[in-house]
C-alpha atoms as a PDB file:
ATOM      1  CA  MET A   1      48.957 -12.161 -11.072  1.00  0.00           C
ATOM      2  CA  LYS A   2      47.241 -14.199 -13.775  1.00  0.00           C
ATOM      3  CA  LYS A   3      44.324 -11.720 -13.798  1.00  0.00           C
ATOM      4  CA  ASN A   4      46.755  -8.827 -14.462  1.00  0.00           C
ATOM      5  CA  SER A   5      48.337 -10.633 -17.398  1.00  0.00           C
ATOM      6  CA  VAL A   6      44.896 -11.329 -18.901  1.00  0.00           C
ATOM      7  CA  ILE A   7      43.935  -7.673 -18.519  1.00  0.00           C
ATOM      8  CA  PHE A   8      47.250  -6.579 -20.046  1.00  0.00           C
ATOM      9  CA  SER A   9      46.713  -8.974 -22.964  1.00  0.00           C
ATOM     10  CA  LEU A  10      43.225  -7.596 -23.591  1.00  0.00           C
ATOM     11  CA  VAL A  11      44.434  -4.003 -23.474  1.00  0.00           C
ATOM     12  CA  PHE A  12      47.301  -4.836 -25.833  1.00  0.00           C
ATOM     13  CA  ILE A  13      44.988  -6.563 -28.290  1.00  0.00           C
ATOM     14  CA  LEU A  14      42.488  -3.702 -28.119  1.00  0.00           C
ATOM     15  CA  ALA A  15      45.303  -1.249 -28.841  1.00  0.00           C
ATOM     16  CA  ILE A  16      46.253  -3.264 -31.926  1.00  0.00           C
ATOM     17  CA  ALA A  17      42.624  -3.264 -33.081  1.00  0.00           C
ATOM     18  CA  VAL A  18      42.363   0.495 -32.584  1.00  0.00           C
ATOM     19  CA  ALA A  19      45.593   1.025 -34.514  1.00  0.00           C
ATOM     20  CA  SER A  20      44.189  -0.994 -37.405  1.00  0.00           C
ATOM     21  CA  PHE A  21      41.350   1.527 -37.717  1.00  0.00           C
ATOM     22  CA  LEU A  22      43.812   4.354 -38.025  1.00  0.00           C
ATOM     23  CA  ILE A  23      45.694   2.866 -40.921  1.00  0.00           C
ATOM     24  CA  LYS A  24      44.455   4.382 -44.144  1.00  0.00           C
ATOM     25  CA  GLY A  25      43.276   2.197 -46.972  1.00  0.00           C
ATOM     26  CA  GLN A  26      41.812  -0.536 -44.810  1.00  0.00           C
ATOM     27  CA  LYS A  27      38.692  -2.347 -45.877  1.00  0.00           C
ATOM     28  CA  LYS A  28      35.419  -1.113 -44.368  1.00  0.00           C
ATOM     29  CA  ASP A  29      34.847  -4.588 -42.933  1.00  0.00           C
ATOM     30  CA  GLN A  30      38.200  -4.607 -41.143  1.00  0.00           C
ATOM     31  CA  VAL A  31      36.500  -5.294 -37.808  1.00  0.00           C
ATOM     32  CA  ALA A  32      35.303  -8.656 -39.084  1.00  0.00           C
ATOM     33  CA  ASP A  33      38.893  -9.524 -39.990  1.00  0.00           C
ATOM     34  CA  THR A  34      40.304  -8.712 -36.535  1.00  0.00           C
ATOM     35  CA  ILE A  35      41.995 -11.683 -34.934  1.00  0.00           C
ATOM     36  CA  PHE A  36      41.472 -12.250 -31.217  1.00  0.00           C
ATOM     37  CA  LEU A  37      44.265 -13.944 -29.313  1.00  0.00           C
ATOM     38  CA  GLY A  38      43.185 -14.746 -25.793  1.00  0.00           C
ATOM     39  CA  PRO A  39      40.891 -16.827 -23.614  1.00  0.00           C
ATOM     40  CA  LYS A  40      37.686 -17.907 -25.385  1.00  0.00           C
ATOM     41  CA  GLU A  41      35.435 -16.375 -22.724  1.00  0.00           C
ATOM     42  CA  TYR A  42      36.677 -12.876 -23.704  1.00  0.00           C
ATOM     43  CA  LYS A  43      36.287 -13.275 -27.470  1.00  0.00           C
ATOM     44  CA  ALA A  44      32.646 -12.112 -27.679  1.00  0.00           C
ATOM     45  CA  THR A  45      33.350  -9.070 -25.501  1.00  0.00           C
ATOM     46  CA  PHE A  46      36.367  -8.179 -27.616  1.00  0.00           C
ATOM     47  CA  GLN A  47      34.428  -8.497 -30.866  1.00  0.00           C
ATOM     48  CA  GLU A  48      31.641  -6.255 -29.533  1.00  0.00           C
ATOM     49  CA  SER A  49      34.218  -3.703 -28.444  1.00  0.00           C
ATOM     50  CA  ALA A  50      35.883  -3.732 -31.861  1.00  0.00           C
ATOM     51  CA  LYS A  51      32.520  -3.325 -33.641  1.00  0.00           C
ATOM     52  CA  SER A  52      31.489  -0.413 -31.424  1.00  0.00           C
ATOM     53  CA  ALA A  53      34.828   1.329 -32.062  1.00  0.00           C
ATOM     54  CA  LYS A  54      34.231   1.481 -35.809  1.00  0.00           C
ATOM     55  CA  PRO A  55      31.621   4.310 -35.809  1.00  0.00           C
ATOM     56  CA  PHE A  56      33.846   6.409 -33.553  1.00  0.00           C
ATOM     57  CA  TYR A  57      36.934   6.022 -35.740  1.00  0.00           C
ATOM     58  CA  ASP A  58      34.962   6.542 -38.949  1.00  0.00           C
ATOM     59  CA  LEU A  59      33.682   9.903 -37.661  1.00  0.00           C
ATOM     60  CA  PHE A  60      36.997  10.854 -36.054  1.00  0.00           C
ATOM     61  CA  ASN A  61      38.973  10.146 -39.223  1.00  0.00           C
ATOM     62  CA  LYS A  62      36.472  12.128 -41.339  1.00  0.00           C
ATOM     63  CA  ALA A  63      36.848  15.002 -38.857  1.00  0.00           C
ATOM     64  CA  LEU A  64      40.635  14.899 -39.217  1.00  0.00           C
ATOM     65  CA  GLU A  65      40.298  14.952 -43.010  1.00  0.00           C
ATOM     66  CA  ALA A  66      37.934  17.935 -42.829  1.00  0.00           C
ATOM     67  CA  SER A  67      40.245  19.765 -40.455  1.00  0.00           C
ATOM     68  CA  ASN A  68      43.304  19.072 -42.602  1.00  0.00           C
ATOM     69  CA  SER A  69      41.471  20.418 -45.658  1.00  0.00           C
ATOM     70  CA  GLY A  70      40.559  23.603 -43.771  1.00  0.00           C
ATOM     71  CA  ASP A  71      36.888  22.856 -43.123  1.00  0.00           C
ATOM     72  CA  GLN A  72      36.972  23.415 -39.357  1.00  0.00           C
ATOM     73  CA  GLU A  73      33.199  23.725 -38.914  1.00  0.00           C
ATOM     74  CA  THR A  74      32.624  20.283 -40.428  1.00  0.00           C
ATOM     75  CA  ALA A  75      35.458  18.912 -38.317  1.00  0.00           C
ATOM     76  CA  ILE A  76      33.853  20.307 -35.142  1.00  0.00           C
ATOM     77  CA  LYS A  77      30.488  18.826 -36.134  1.00  0.00           C
ATOM     78  CA  LEU A  78      31.985  15.379 -36.823  1.00  0.00           C
ATOM     79  CA  LEU A  79      34.054  15.404 -33.640  1.00  0.00           C
ATOM     80  CA  ASN A  80      30.957  16.150 -31.580  1.00  0.00           C
ATOM     81  CA  GLU A  81      29.061  13.414 -33.423  1.00  0.00           C
ATOM     82  CA  SER A  82      31.826  10.937 -32.553  1.00  0.00           C
ATOM     83  CA  LEU A  83      31.511  11.462 -28.791  1.00  0.00           C
ATOM     84  CA  PRO A  84      28.510   9.129 -28.234  1.00  0.00           C
ATOM     85  CA  TYR A  85      30.578   6.306 -29.752  1.00  0.00           C
ATOM     86  CA  VAL A  86      33.559   6.737 -27.436  1.00  0.00           C
ATOM     87  CA  GLY A  87      34.438   3.329 -26.055  1.00  0.00           C
ATOM     88  CA  ILE A  88      37.520   4.015 -23.975  1.00  0.00           C
ATOM     89  CA  SER A  89      38.492   7.201 -22.220  1.00  0.00           C
ATOM     90  CA  PHE A  90      41.541   8.106 -24.312  1.00  0.00           C
ATOM     91  CA  GLU A  91      39.253   8.385 -27.350  1.00  0.00           C
ATOM     92  CA  LYS A  92      37.396  11.212 -25.616  1.00  0.00           C
ATOM     93  CA  GLY A  93      40.786  12.793 -24.949  1.00  0.00           C
ATOM     94  CA  MET A  94      41.601  12.555 -28.656  1.00  0.00           C
ATOM     95  CA  VAL A  95      38.385  14.412 -29.519  1.00  0.00           C
ATOM     96  CA  TYR A  96      38.902  17.084 -26.853  1.00  0.00           C
ATOM     97  CA  LYS A  97      42.516  17.626 -27.900  1.00  0.00           C
ATOM     98  CA  LYS A  98      41.525  18.115 -31.535  1.00  0.00           C
ATOM     99  CA  LEU A  99      38.663  20.451 -30.587  1.00  0.00           C
ATOM    100  CA  ALA A 100      41.071  22.529 -28.479  1.00  0.00           C
ATOM    101  CA  GLU A 101      43.460  22.746 -31.449  1.00  0.00           C
ATOM    102  CA  ILE A 102      40.676  23.843 -33.806  1.00  0.00           C
ATOM    103  CA  TYR A 103      39.365  26.482 -31.423  1.00  0.00           C
ATOM    104  CA  ARG A 104      42.919  27.762 -30.954  1.00  0.00           C
ATOM    105  CA  THR A 105      43.270  28.289 -34.716  1.00  0.00           C
ATOM    106  CA  GLN A 106      39.927  30.113 -34.653  1.00  0.00           C
ATOM    107  CA  ASN A 107      41.127  32.255 -31.729  1.00  0.00           C
ATOM    108  CA  ASN A 108      38.089  31.133 -29.699  1.00  0.00           C
ATOM    109  CA  LEU A 109      39.838  31.207 -26.333  1.00  0.00           C
ATOM    110  CA  GLU A 110      36.792  30.359 -24.222  1.00  0.00           C
ATOM    111  CA  LYS A 111      36.084  27.119 -26.065  1.00  0.00           C
ATOM    112  CA  GLU A 112      39.786  26.296 -26.349  1.00  0.00           C
ATOM    113  CA  LEU A 113      40.140  26.708 -22.590  1.00  0.00           C
ATOM    114  CA  PHE A 114      37.179  24.422 -21.928  1.00  0.00           C
ATOM    115  CA  TYR A 115      38.536  21.598 -24.077  1.00  0.00           C
ATOM    116  CA  ILE A 116      42.160  22.039 -23.060  1.00  0.00           C
ATOM    117  CA  GLU A 117      41.128  21.673 -19.424  1.00  0.00           C
ATOM    118  CA  GLU A 118      38.947  18.624 -20.139  1.00  0.00           C
ATOM    119  CA  TRP A 119      41.403  16.786 -22.366  1.00  0.00           C
ATOM    120  CA  PRO A 120      44.004  15.869 -19.685  1.00  0.00           C
ATOM    121  CA  LYS A 121      41.282  14.088 -17.691  1.00  0.00           C
ATOM    122  CA  TYR A 122      41.278  11.461 -20.438  1.00  0.00           C
ATOM    123  CA  SER A 123      44.969  11.383 -21.350  1.00  0.00           C
ATOM    124  CA  MET A 124      47.780   9.459 -19.711  1.00  0.00           C
ATOM    125  CA  ASN A 125      50.527  11.338 -21.562  1.00  0.00           C
ATOM    126  CA  SER A 126      52.114  13.428 -18.816  1.00  0.00           C
ATOM    127  CA  GLN A 127      54.104  15.603 -21.245  1.00  0.00           C
ATOM    128  CA  LEU A 128      51.006  16.547 -23.238  1.00  0.00           C
ATOM    129  CA  ASN A 129      49.037  17.052 -20.026  1.00  0.00           C
ATOM    130  CA  GLU A 130      51.691  19.477 -18.804  1.00  0.00           C
ATOM    131  CA  GLU A 131      51.553  21.346 -22.126  1.00  0.00           C
ATOM    132  CA  ALA A 132      47.763  21.579 -21.750  1.00  0.00           C
ATOM    133  CA  LYS A 133      48.117  23.014 -18.236  1.00  0.00           C
ATOM    134  CA  LEU A 134      50.609  25.608 -19.473  1.00  0.00           C
ATOM    135  CA  ARG A 135      48.313  26.637 -22.335  1.00  0.00           C
ATOM    136  CA  ALA A 136      45.334  26.882 -19.960  1.00  0.00           C
ATOM    137  CA  ALA A 137      47.395  29.148 -17.700  1.00  0.00           C
ATOM    138  CA  GLU A 138      48.314  31.288 -20.746  1.00  0.00           C
ATOM    139  CA  ILE A 139      44.664  31.660 -21.706  1.00  0.00           C
ATOM    140  CA  ARG A 140      43.695  32.569 -18.142  1.00  0.00           C
ATOM    141  CA  GLN A 141      46.411  35.265 -18.154  1.00  0.00           C
ATOM    142  CA  LEU A 142      45.027  36.627 -21.428  1.00  0.00           C
ATOM    143  CA  PHE A 143      41.535  36.773 -19.902  1.00  0.00           C
ATOM    144  CA  ALA A 144      42.887  38.497 -16.782  1.00  0.00           C
ATOM    145  CA  ALA A 145      44.761  41.079 -18.871  1.00  0.00           C
ATOM    146  CA  LYS A 146      41.664  41.682 -20.995  1.00  0.00           C
ATOM    147  CA  ASN A 147      39.503  42.140 -17.876  1.00  0.00           C
ATOM    148  CA  GLN A 148      42.095  44.482 -16.352  1.00  0.00           C
ATOM    149  CA  ALA A 149      42.232  46.567 -19.517  1.00  0.00           C
ATOM    150  CA  SER A 150      38.448  46.892 -19.640  1.00  0.00           C
ATOM    151  CA  THR A 151      38.359  47.813 -15.936  1.00  0.00           C
ATOM    152  CA  ASN A 152      41.010  50.515 -16.476  1.00  0.00           C
ATOM    153  CA  GLN A 153      39.030  52.017 -19.365  1.00  0.00           C
ATOM    154  CA  THR A 154      35.938  52.556 -17.218  1.00  0.00           C
END
């Protein structure tokens, strides 16, 4: 039981650290200012985790800015560059979800389908996962209709 509470505490603290990266206007050295509340033997591991998260969130936030300003190609590039820095699985889900959204706006159904099917593997949000499954089914129906139409024309 004590092990579960320690794990929960670490996850909770990591979530707070991740949230601090998402808040705009923070200092670039915010990681150094992160406070660790927990057993001393986990402090070094936590600090390493927080430091390794910084490159991911720097790239991810720049990608969001590029996407919001309409520069989807730069956003795609930055999102792909952020993937090697993924520390925890939901971060990969965040990247895949955003890539699926971008490819949807570009009407690139093949790439949207790829990312929309990958994203739920890294997400624990059942409502969003269900939405992803529905969209994947929609895309598959569009492909089937397109294939049927091309078969009928020959």
